[in-house]
Amino acid sequence: MDKGQYGRRDRLMQEKRHDTYREDKKWPEPTVCTECKSVYIEGRWTWYEPPVKANMVLCPACQRTAENYPAGYLELKGSFFDSHQEEMLNLIRNEEKQEKGEHPLERIMDIAVESENTLITTTGIHLARRIGEAVSRAYQGELSFSYGDGEKTIRASWSR
């Protein structure tokens, strides 16, 4: 029985990576986001002065925020966070500012402060991991993370 060169042909092929918010096409240059005013030029989103005449679209980060569909989740738990909340939130905002300066699509969507834990949601996986590592370096504690959905999302947890 000959199954052909590539084995069975009746199976569905799984995509290696599928991300709804990942752009598979190039926008015409220059393109400006209608919300945040970031500019798509030379194949990437950057912070330039928006040109007068440009194509207008909603960037992937603003789409994620509008649809409330985060790519990164960082949960901060423990009594240490409760007693050092203000300075830790300042560290988190500074990390976002640095990352956002270089990569406009990496942003904090929301910081939900509750009594037992705080959940930070981000538009990209890199910012969530960067914030988690910065908190872990500065305040020690236990940091764990796991990727889901073929590395399109990250769930990180820090506790002390």
N, C-alpha and C. Protein backbone atom coordinates (compact mmCIF):
# COMPACT_ATOMS: atom_id res chain seq x y z
N MET A 1 0.84 -1.16 0.00
CA MET A 1 0.00 0.00 0.00
C MET A 1 0.89 1.24 0.00
N ASP A 2 0.77 2.06 -1.02
CA ASP A 2 1.59 3.25 -1.17
C ASP A 2 0.86 4.46 -0.59
N LYS A 3 1.45 5.08 0.42
CA LYS A 3 0.84 6.25 1.05
C LYS A 3 1.35 7.55 0.45
N GLY A 4 2.12 7.46 -0.54
CA GLY A 4 2.62 8.66 -1.18
C GLY A 4 3.91 9.14 -0.53
N GLN A 5 4.47 10.15 -1.10
CA GLN A 5 5.75 10.67 -0.65
C GLN A 5 5.67 11.32 0.73
N TYR A 6 4.54 11.93 1.07
CA TYR A 6 4.43 12.68 2.32
C TYR A 6 3.50 12.03 3.33
N GLY A 7 3.25 10.76 3.23
CA GLY A 7 2.41 10.08 4.21
C GLY A 7 0.94 10.29 3.92
N ARG A 8 0.14 10.27 4.96
CA ARG A 8 -1.31 10.38 4.80
C ARG A 8 -1.71 11.73 4.24
N ARG A 9 -2.71 11.70 3.41
CA ARG A 9 -3.17 12.94 2.78
C ARG A 9 -4.53 13.38 3.29
N ASP A 10 -5.12 12.63 4.21
CA ASP A 10 -6.45 12.98 4.68
C ASP A 10 -6.44 13.77 5.99
N ARG A 11 -5.27 14.21 6.47
CA ARG A 11 -5.17 15.01 7.69
C ARG A 11 -5.15 16.50 7.37
N LEU A 12 -5.67 17.26 8.30
CA LEU A 12 -5.58 18.71 8.16
C LEU A 12 -4.20 19.17 8.61
N MET A 13 -3.63 20.08 7.90
CA MET A 13 -2.33 20.59 8.26
C MET A 13 -2.50 21.68 9.32
N GLN A 14 -1.71 21.61 10.36
CA GLN A 14 -1.74 22.62 11.41
C GLN A 14 -0.83 23.77 11.03
N GLU A 15 -1.32 24.98 11.26
CA GLU A 15 -0.48 26.15 11.02
C GLU A 15 0.60 26.21 12.08
N LYS A 16 1.78 26.65 11.69
CA LYS A 16 2.86 26.79 12.67
C LYS A 16 2.55 27.91 13.65
N ARG A 17 2.13 29.05 13.14
CA ARG A 17 1.77 30.18 13.98
C ARG A 17 0.61 30.90 13.32
N HIS A 18 -0.38 31.20 14.13
CA HIS A 18 -1.50 32.01 13.63
C HIS A 18 -1.83 33.04 14.69
N ASP A 19 -1.67 34.29 14.35
CA ASP A 19 -1.99 35.38 15.25
C ASP A 19 -2.87 36.36 14.50
N THR A 20 -4.06 36.57 15.01
CA THR A 20 -5.01 37.45 14.35
C THR A 20 -4.48 38.86 14.21
N TYR A 21 -3.68 39.29 15.16
CA TYR A 21 -3.20 40.66 15.17
C TYR A 21 -1.85 40.84 14.49
N ARG A 22 -1.26 39.77 14.04
CA ARG A 22 0.01 39.87 13.32
C ARG A 22 -0.28 40.24 11.87
N GLU A 23 0.42 41.22 11.40
CA GLU A 23 0.17 41.69 10.04
C GLU A 23 0.89 40.80 9.04
N ASP A 24 0.15 40.25 8.11
CA ASP A 24 0.76 39.41 7.08
C ASP A 24 0.96 40.16 5.78
N LYS A 25 0.58 41.41 5.78
CA LYS A 25 0.79 42.24 4.59
C LYS A 25 1.48 43.52 5.00
N LYS A 26 2.03 44.20 4.05
CA LYS A 26 2.67 45.48 4.33
C LYS A 26 1.68 46.59 4.01
N TRP A 27 1.65 47.56 4.90
CA TRP A 27 0.80 48.71 4.68
C TRP A 27 1.48 49.66 3.70
N PRO A 28 0.70 50.44 2.96
CA PRO A 28 1.34 51.46 2.11
C PRO A 28 2.00 52.50 3.00
N GLU A 29 3.16 52.96 2.57
CA GLU A 29 3.91 53.90 3.40
C GLU A 29 3.66 55.32 2.95
N PRO A 30 3.53 56.25 3.84
CA PRO A 30 3.40 56.11 5.29
C PRO A 30 1.96 55.80 5.68
N THR A 31 1.79 55.07 6.76
CA THR A 31 0.48 54.77 7.34
C THR A 31 0.50 55.22 8.79
N VAL A 32 -0.56 55.87 9.22
CA VAL A 32 -0.64 56.41 10.58
C VAL A 32 -1.81 55.75 11.31
N CYS A 33 -1.60 55.41 12.58
CA CYS A 33 -2.66 54.86 13.41
C CYS A 33 -3.63 55.98 13.79
N THR A 34 -4.90 55.72 13.67
CA THR A 34 -5.90 56.74 13.97
C THR A 34 -6.00 57.04 15.47
N GLU A 35 -5.61 56.09 16.32
CA GLU A 35 -5.71 56.28 17.77
C GLU A 35 -4.44 56.87 18.38
N CYS A 36 -3.33 56.14 18.25
CA CYS A 36 -2.09 56.51 18.96
C CYS A 36 -1.14 57.37 18.12
N LYS A 37 -1.42 57.50 16.85
CA LYS A 37 -0.61 58.31 15.93
C LYS A 37 0.79 57.74 15.67
N SER A 38 0.99 56.44 15.93
CA SER A 38 2.26 55.84 15.54
C SER A 38 2.27 55.70 14.02
N VAL A 39 3.46 55.64 13.45
CA VAL A 39 3.60 55.68 11.99
C VAL A 39 4.24 54.38 11.52
N TYR A 40 3.64 53.77 10.49
CA TYR A 40 4.20 52.59 9.85
C TYR A 40 5.06 53.09 8.69
N ILE A 41 6.37 52.92 8.85
CA ILE A 41 7.30 53.37 7.81
C ILE A 41 8.49 52.41 7.79
N GLU A 42 8.99 52.13 6.62
CA GLU A 42 10.11 51.21 6.42
C GLU A 42 9.84 49.83 7.02
N GLY A 43 8.59 49.39 6.93
CA GLY A 43 8.24 48.04 7.34
C GLY A 43 7.98 47.82 8.81
N ARG A 44 7.91 48.90 9.62
CA ARG A 44 7.64 48.72 11.05
C ARG A 44 6.93 49.94 11.61
N TRP A 45 6.28 49.73 12.76
CA TRP A 45 5.61 50.83 13.45
C TRP A 45 6.63 51.57 14.31
N THR A 46 6.66 52.89 14.19
CA THR A 46 7.61 53.72 14.94
C THR A 46 6.91 54.99 15.42
N TRP A 47 7.64 55.77 16.19
CA TRP A 47 7.14 57.06 16.66
C TRP A 47 7.81 58.17 15.85
N TYR A 48 7.21 58.54 14.76
CA TYR A 48 7.66 59.68 13.96
C TYR A 48 6.55 60.72 13.96
N GLU A 49 6.91 61.90 13.54
CA GLU A 49 5.89 62.92 13.35
C GLU A 49 4.98 62.47 12.21
N PRO A 50 3.68 62.39 12.44
CA PRO A 50 2.78 61.90 11.38
C PRO A 50 2.80 62.82 10.16
N PRO A 51 2.97 62.24 8.97
CA PRO A 51 2.95 63.06 7.75
C PRO A 51 1.55 63.63 7.52
N VAL A 52 1.50 64.69 6.75
CA VAL A 52 0.22 65.35 6.47
C VAL A 52 -0.67 64.43 5.64
N LYS A 53 -0.09 63.82 4.62
CA LYS A 53 -0.87 62.95 3.75
C LYS A 53 -0.41 61.51 3.99
N ALA A 54 -1.27 60.70 4.61
CA ALA A 54 -0.90 59.33 4.92
C ALA A 54 -2.15 58.45 4.95
N ASN A 55 -1.92 57.18 4.79
CA ASN A 55 -2.99 56.19 4.91
C ASN A 55 -3.33 56.07 6.40
N MET A 56 -4.60 55.98 6.76
CA MET A 56 -5.02 55.92 8.15
C MET A 56 -5.62 54.54 8.45
N VAL A 57 -5.07 53.86 9.46
CA VAL A 57 -5.58 52.56 9.92
C VAL A 57 -5.46 52.50 11.44
N LEU A 58 -5.97 51.44 12.00
CA LEU A 58 -5.82 51.18 13.43
C LEU A 58 -4.70 50.17 13.60
N CYS A 59 -3.67 50.52 14.38
CA CYS A 59 -2.52 49.63 14.54
C CYS A 59 -2.92 48.40 15.36
N PRO A 60 -2.14 47.30 15.29
CA PRO A 60 -2.49 46.08 16.02
C PRO A 60 -2.62 46.27 17.53
N ALA A 61 -1.80 47.13 18.14
CA ALA A 61 -1.88 47.36 19.58
C ALA A 61 -3.20 48.05 19.94
N CYS A 62 -3.60 49.02 19.15
CA CYS A 62 -4.87 49.70 19.41
C CYS A 62 -6.05 48.77 19.15
N GLN A 63 -5.92 47.87 18.17
CA GLN A 63 -6.97 46.87 17.93
C GLN A 63 -7.12 45.96 19.14
N ARG A 64 -6.00 45.47 19.67
CA ARG A 64 -6.04 44.61 20.85
C ARG A 64 -6.68 45.32 22.03
N THR A 65 -6.33 46.59 22.22
CA THR A 65 -6.89 47.35 23.33
C THR A 65 -8.39 47.57 23.14
N ALA A 66 -8.80 47.91 21.94
CA ALA A 66 -10.22 48.15 21.67
C ALA A 66 -11.05 46.87 21.86
N GLU A 67 -10.48 45.74 21.48
CA GLU A 67 -11.20 44.46 21.60
C GLU A 67 -10.94 43.77 22.93
N ASN A 68 -10.13 44.40 23.79
CA ASN A 68 -9.77 43.85 25.10
C ASN A 68 -9.28 42.40 24.97
N TYR A 69 -8.28 42.20 24.12
CA TYR A 69 -7.71 40.88 23.86
C TYR A 69 -6.20 40.94 24.09
N PRO A 70 -5.76 40.84 25.36
CA PRO A 70 -4.33 40.97 25.66
C PRO A 70 -3.51 39.77 25.20
N ALA A 71 -2.23 40.03 24.95
CA ALA A 71 -1.29 38.96 24.60
C ALA A 71 -0.46 38.57 25.81
N GLY A 72 -0.33 39.47 26.78
CA GLY A 72 0.47 39.19 27.96
C GLY A 72 -0.31 39.42 29.24
N TYR A 73 -0.15 38.50 30.17
CA TYR A 73 -0.78 38.60 31.49
C TYR A 73 0.32 38.47 32.53
N LEU A 74 0.40 39.41 33.45
CA LEU A 74 1.36 39.34 34.54
C LEU A 74 0.59 39.52 35.84
N GLU A 75 0.68 38.51 36.71
CA GLU A 75 -0.02 38.56 37.98
C GLU A 75 1.00 38.75 39.09
N LEU A 76 0.78 39.77 39.92
CA LEU A 76 1.65 40.08 41.05
C LEU A 76 0.88 39.73 42.32
N LYS A 77 1.46 38.85 43.15
CA LYS A 77 0.77 38.38 44.35
C LYS A 77 1.68 38.52 45.56
N GLY A 78 1.05 38.55 46.72
CA GLY A 78 1.80 38.51 47.97
C GLY A 78 1.68 39.78 48.78
N SER A 79 2.02 39.66 50.05
CA SER A 79 1.93 40.81 50.96
C SER A 79 3.01 41.85 50.66
N PHE A 80 4.12 41.43 50.06
CA PHE A 80 5.19 42.38 49.73
C PHE A 80 4.70 43.42 48.73
N PHE A 81 3.92 42.97 47.74
CA PHE A 81 3.39 43.91 46.75
C PHE A 81 2.45 44.91 47.41
N ASP A 82 1.64 44.45 48.35
CA ASP A 82 0.71 45.35 49.03
C ASP A 82 1.44 46.47 49.75
N SER A 83 2.57 46.15 50.39
CA SER A 83 3.29 47.16 51.16
C SER A 83 4.21 48.04 50.30
N HIS A 84 4.54 47.60 49.09
CA HIS A 84 5.43 48.36 48.19
C HIS A 84 4.75 48.68 46.86
N GLN A 85 3.45 48.80 46.89
CA GLN A 85 2.67 48.93 45.66
C GLN A 85 3.06 50.15 44.82
N GLU A 86 3.21 51.31 45.43
CA GLU A 86 3.49 52.53 44.68
C GLU A 86 4.83 52.46 43.95
N GLU A 87 5.88 52.04 44.65
CA GLU A 87 7.19 52.00 43.99
C GLU A 87 7.26 50.90 42.93
N MET A 88 6.55 49.79 43.15
CA MET A 88 6.55 48.73 42.14
C MET A 88 5.77 49.16 40.89
N LEU A 89 4.67 49.87 41.07
CA LEU A 89 3.92 50.38 39.92
C LEU A 89 4.73 51.43 39.16
N ASN A 90 5.55 52.21 39.87
CA ASN A 90 6.45 53.16 39.19
C ASN A 90 7.47 52.41 38.34
N LEU A 91 8.03 51.32 38.87
CA LEU A 91 8.97 50.50 38.11
C LEU A 91 8.29 49.93 36.86
N ILE A 92 7.08 49.47 37.02
CA ILE A 92 6.32 48.88 35.90
C ILE A 92 6.07 49.94 34.83
N ARG A 93 5.66 51.12 35.22
CA ARG A 93 5.42 52.20 34.26
C ARG A 93 6.72 52.62 33.55
N ASN A 94 7.84 52.64 34.27
CA ASN A 94 9.12 52.98 33.64
C ASN A 94 9.54 51.93 32.62
N GLU A 95 9.32 50.66 32.93
CA GLU A 95 9.63 49.60 31.96
C GLU A 95 8.76 49.74 30.72
N GLU A 96 7.48 50.06 30.91
CA GLU A 96 6.60 50.26 29.76
C GLU A 96 7.06 51.44 28.93
N LYS A 97 7.46 52.51 29.58
CA LYS A 97 7.91 53.71 28.87
C LYS A 97 9.13 53.41 28.00
N GLN A 98 10.09 52.67 28.56
CA GLN A 98 11.29 52.31 27.79
C GLN A 98 10.94 51.42 26.60
N GLU A 99 10.14 50.39 26.84
CA GLU A 99 9.80 49.45 25.77
C GLU A 99 8.94 50.13 24.70
N LYS A 100 7.99 50.93 25.14
CA LYS A 100 7.10 51.61 24.20
C LYS A 100 7.84 52.64 23.35
N GLY A 101 8.92 53.21 23.89
CA GLY A 101 9.71 54.17 23.13
C GLY A 101 10.37 53.54 21.91
N GLU A 102 10.77 52.28 22.03
CA GLU A 102 11.41 51.58 20.92
C GLU A 102 10.42 50.78 20.08
N HIS A 103 9.38 50.25 20.73
CA HIS A 103 8.41 49.38 20.06
C HIS A 103 6.99 49.86 20.37
N PRO A 104 6.40 50.65 19.49
CA PRO A 104 5.07 51.22 19.76
C PRO A 104 3.96 50.19 19.97
N LEU A 105 4.15 48.97 19.52
CA LEU A 105 3.09 47.97 19.67
C LEU A 105 3.13 47.27 21.02
N GLU A 106 4.11 47.56 21.85
CA GLU A 106 4.21 46.96 23.18
C GLU A 106 3.72 47.98 24.21
N ARG A 107 2.53 47.73 24.76
CA ARG A 107 1.92 48.67 25.71
C ARG A 107 1.19 47.93 26.82
N ILE A 108 1.02 48.61 27.93
CA ILE A 108 0.18 48.09 29.00
C ILE A 108 -1.26 48.44 28.66
N MET A 109 -2.12 47.44 28.70
CA MET A 109 -3.54 47.67 28.43
C MET A 109 -4.27 48.09 29.71
N ASP A 110 -4.00 47.37 30.81
CA ASP A 110 -4.72 47.63 32.04
C ASP A 110 -3.92 47.13 33.23
N ILE A 111 -4.07 47.81 34.36
CA ILE A 111 -3.52 47.36 35.64
C ILE A 111 -4.69 47.26 36.59
N ALA A 112 -5.10 46.05 36.90
CA ALA A 112 -6.25 45.81 37.78
C ALA A 112 -5.73 45.47 39.17
N VAL A 113 -5.80 46.44 40.07
CA VAL A 113 -5.33 46.24 41.44
C VAL A 113 -6.50 45.73 42.28
N GLU A 114 -6.33 44.55 42.86
CA GLU A 114 -7.34 43.97 43.73
C GLU A 114 -6.73 43.75 45.10
N SER A 115 -7.51 43.21 46.02
CA SER A 115 -7.02 43.06 47.40
C SER A 115 -5.92 42.01 47.53
N GLU A 116 -6.02 40.89 46.80
CA GLU A 116 -5.05 39.80 46.95
C GLU A 116 -4.00 39.75 45.84
N ASN A 117 -4.32 40.28 44.68
CA ASN A 117 -3.36 40.26 43.59
C ASN A 117 -3.61 41.42 42.64
N THR A 118 -2.65 41.62 41.75
CA THR A 118 -2.76 42.65 40.72
C THR A 118 -2.50 41.99 39.38
N LEU A 119 -3.36 42.26 38.41
CA LEU A 119 -3.22 41.70 37.08
C LEU A 119 -2.89 42.81 36.09
N ILE A 120 -1.77 42.65 35.41
CA ILE A 120 -1.33 43.59 34.39
C ILE A 120 -1.49 42.91 33.04
N THR A 121 -2.22 43.53 32.13
CA THR A 121 -2.39 42.97 30.80
C THR A 121 -1.66 43.86 29.80
N THR A 122 -1.01 43.23 28.81
CA THR A 122 -0.21 43.96 27.83
C THR A 122 -0.62 43.56 26.41
N THR A 123 -0.24 44.40 25.46
CA THR A 123 -0.57 44.13 24.07
C THR A 123 0.43 43.17 23.42
N GLY A 124 1.57 42.95 24.05
CA GLY A 124 2.58 42.05 23.49
C GLY A 124 3.17 41.16 24.55
N ILE A 125 3.76 40.06 24.12
CA ILE A 125 4.34 39.11 25.06
C ILE A 125 5.66 39.62 25.63
N HIS A 126 6.38 40.41 24.87
CA HIS A 126 7.71 40.85 25.30
C HIS A 126 7.63 41.81 26.49
N LEU A 127 6.65 42.69 26.50
CA LEU A 127 6.52 43.64 27.59
C LEU A 127 6.15 42.93 28.89
N ALA A 128 5.25 41.97 28.83
CA ALA A 128 4.86 41.23 30.04
C ALA A 128 6.07 40.51 30.64
N ARG A 129 6.85 39.88 29.79
CA ARG A 129 8.04 39.18 30.28
C ARG A 129 9.07 40.18 30.82
N ARG A 130 9.26 41.29 30.12
CA ARG A 130 10.24 42.29 30.55
C ARG A 130 9.87 42.87 31.91
N ILE A 131 8.59 43.16 32.12
CA ILE A 131 8.14 43.70 33.41
C ILE A 131 8.34 42.66 34.51
N GLY A 132 7.98 41.42 34.23
CA GLY A 132 8.16 40.36 35.22
C GLY A 132 9.60 40.19 35.61
N GLU A 133 10.51 40.21 34.65
CA GLU A 133 11.93 40.06 34.93
C GLU A 133 12.47 41.27 35.70
N ALA A 134 11.99 42.47 35.38
CA ALA A 134 12.44 43.67 36.09
C ALA A 134 11.98 43.64 37.55
N VAL A 135 10.75 43.23 37.79
CA VAL A 135 10.25 43.13 39.16
C VAL A 135 11.03 42.06 39.92
N SER A 136 11.32 40.96 39.28
CA SER A 136 12.06 39.87 39.91
C SER A 136 13.49 40.30 40.25
N ARG A 137 14.14 41.04 39.35
CA ARG A 137 15.50 41.54 39.60
C ARG A 137 15.52 42.53 40.76
N ALA A 138 14.54 43.41 40.78
CA ALA A 138 14.53 44.48 41.78
C ALA A 138 14.09 44.00 43.16
N TYR A 139 13.14 43.08 43.21
CA TYR A 139 12.54 42.70 44.49
C TYR A 139 12.64 41.21 44.79
N GLN A 140 13.41 40.47 44.01
CA GLN A 140 13.54 39.02 44.14
C GLN A 140 12.14 38.38 44.06
N GLY A 141 11.91 37.32 44.78
CA GLY A 141 10.61 36.65 44.71
C GLY A 141 10.63 35.54 43.69
N GLU A 142 9.48 34.93 43.50
CA GLU A 142 9.31 33.81 42.58
C GLU A 142 8.64 34.29 41.29
N LEU A 143 9.31 34.09 40.17
CA LEU A 143 8.76 34.45 38.87
C LEU A 143 8.61 33.18 38.05
N SER A 144 7.42 32.98 37.52
CA SER A 144 7.21 31.85 36.61
C SER A 144 6.38 32.35 35.43
N PHE A 145 6.61 31.76 34.29
CA PHE A 145 5.83 32.13 33.12
C PHE A 145 5.65 30.93 32.21
N SER A 146 4.59 31.00 31.43
CA SER A 146 4.32 29.94 30.46
C SER A 146 3.71 30.57 29.22
N TYR A 147 4.11 30.03 28.09
CA TYR A 147 3.60 30.51 26.81
C TYR A 147 2.43 29.63 26.41
N GLY A 148 1.47 30.21 25.75
CA GLY A 148 0.32 29.47 25.28
C GLY A 148 0.03 29.83 23.84
N ASP A 149 -0.79 29.04 23.21
CA ASP A 149 -1.24 29.30 21.84
C ASP A 149 -0.08 29.50 20.88
N GLY A 150 0.90 28.63 20.91
CA GLY A 150 2.01 28.73 19.96
C GLY A 150 2.82 30.00 20.12
N GLU A 151 3.08 30.39 21.35
CA GLU A 151 3.88 31.58 21.68
C GLU A 151 3.23 32.89 21.26
N LYS A 152 1.90 32.95 21.22
CA LYS A 152 1.20 34.20 20.94
C LYS A 152 0.79 34.89 22.22
N THR A 153 0.72 34.14 23.32
CA THR A 153 0.36 34.70 24.61
C THR A 153 1.35 34.23 25.67
N ILE A 154 1.42 35.01 26.74
CA ILE A 154 2.28 34.62 27.87
C ILE A 154 1.49 34.90 29.16
N ARG A 155 1.65 34.00 30.10
CA ARG A 155 1.08 34.18 31.44
C ARG A 155 2.24 34.11 32.42
N ALA A 156 2.48 35.22 33.08
CA ALA A 156 3.57 35.28 34.06
C ALA A 156 2.98 35.54 35.43
N SER A 157 3.67 35.01 36.44
CA SER A 157 3.20 35.18 37.81
C SER A 157 4.42 35.46 38.70
N TRP A 158 4.31 36.52 39.52
CA TRP A 158 5.37 36.86 40.47
C TRP A 158 4.75 36.91 41.85
N SER A 159 5.46 36.37 42.81
CA SER A 159 4.95 36.41 44.19
C SER A 159 6.11 36.53 45.16
N ARG A 160 5.80 37.19 46.26
CA ARG A 160 6.76 37.30 47.37
C ARG A 160 5.99 37.66 48.62
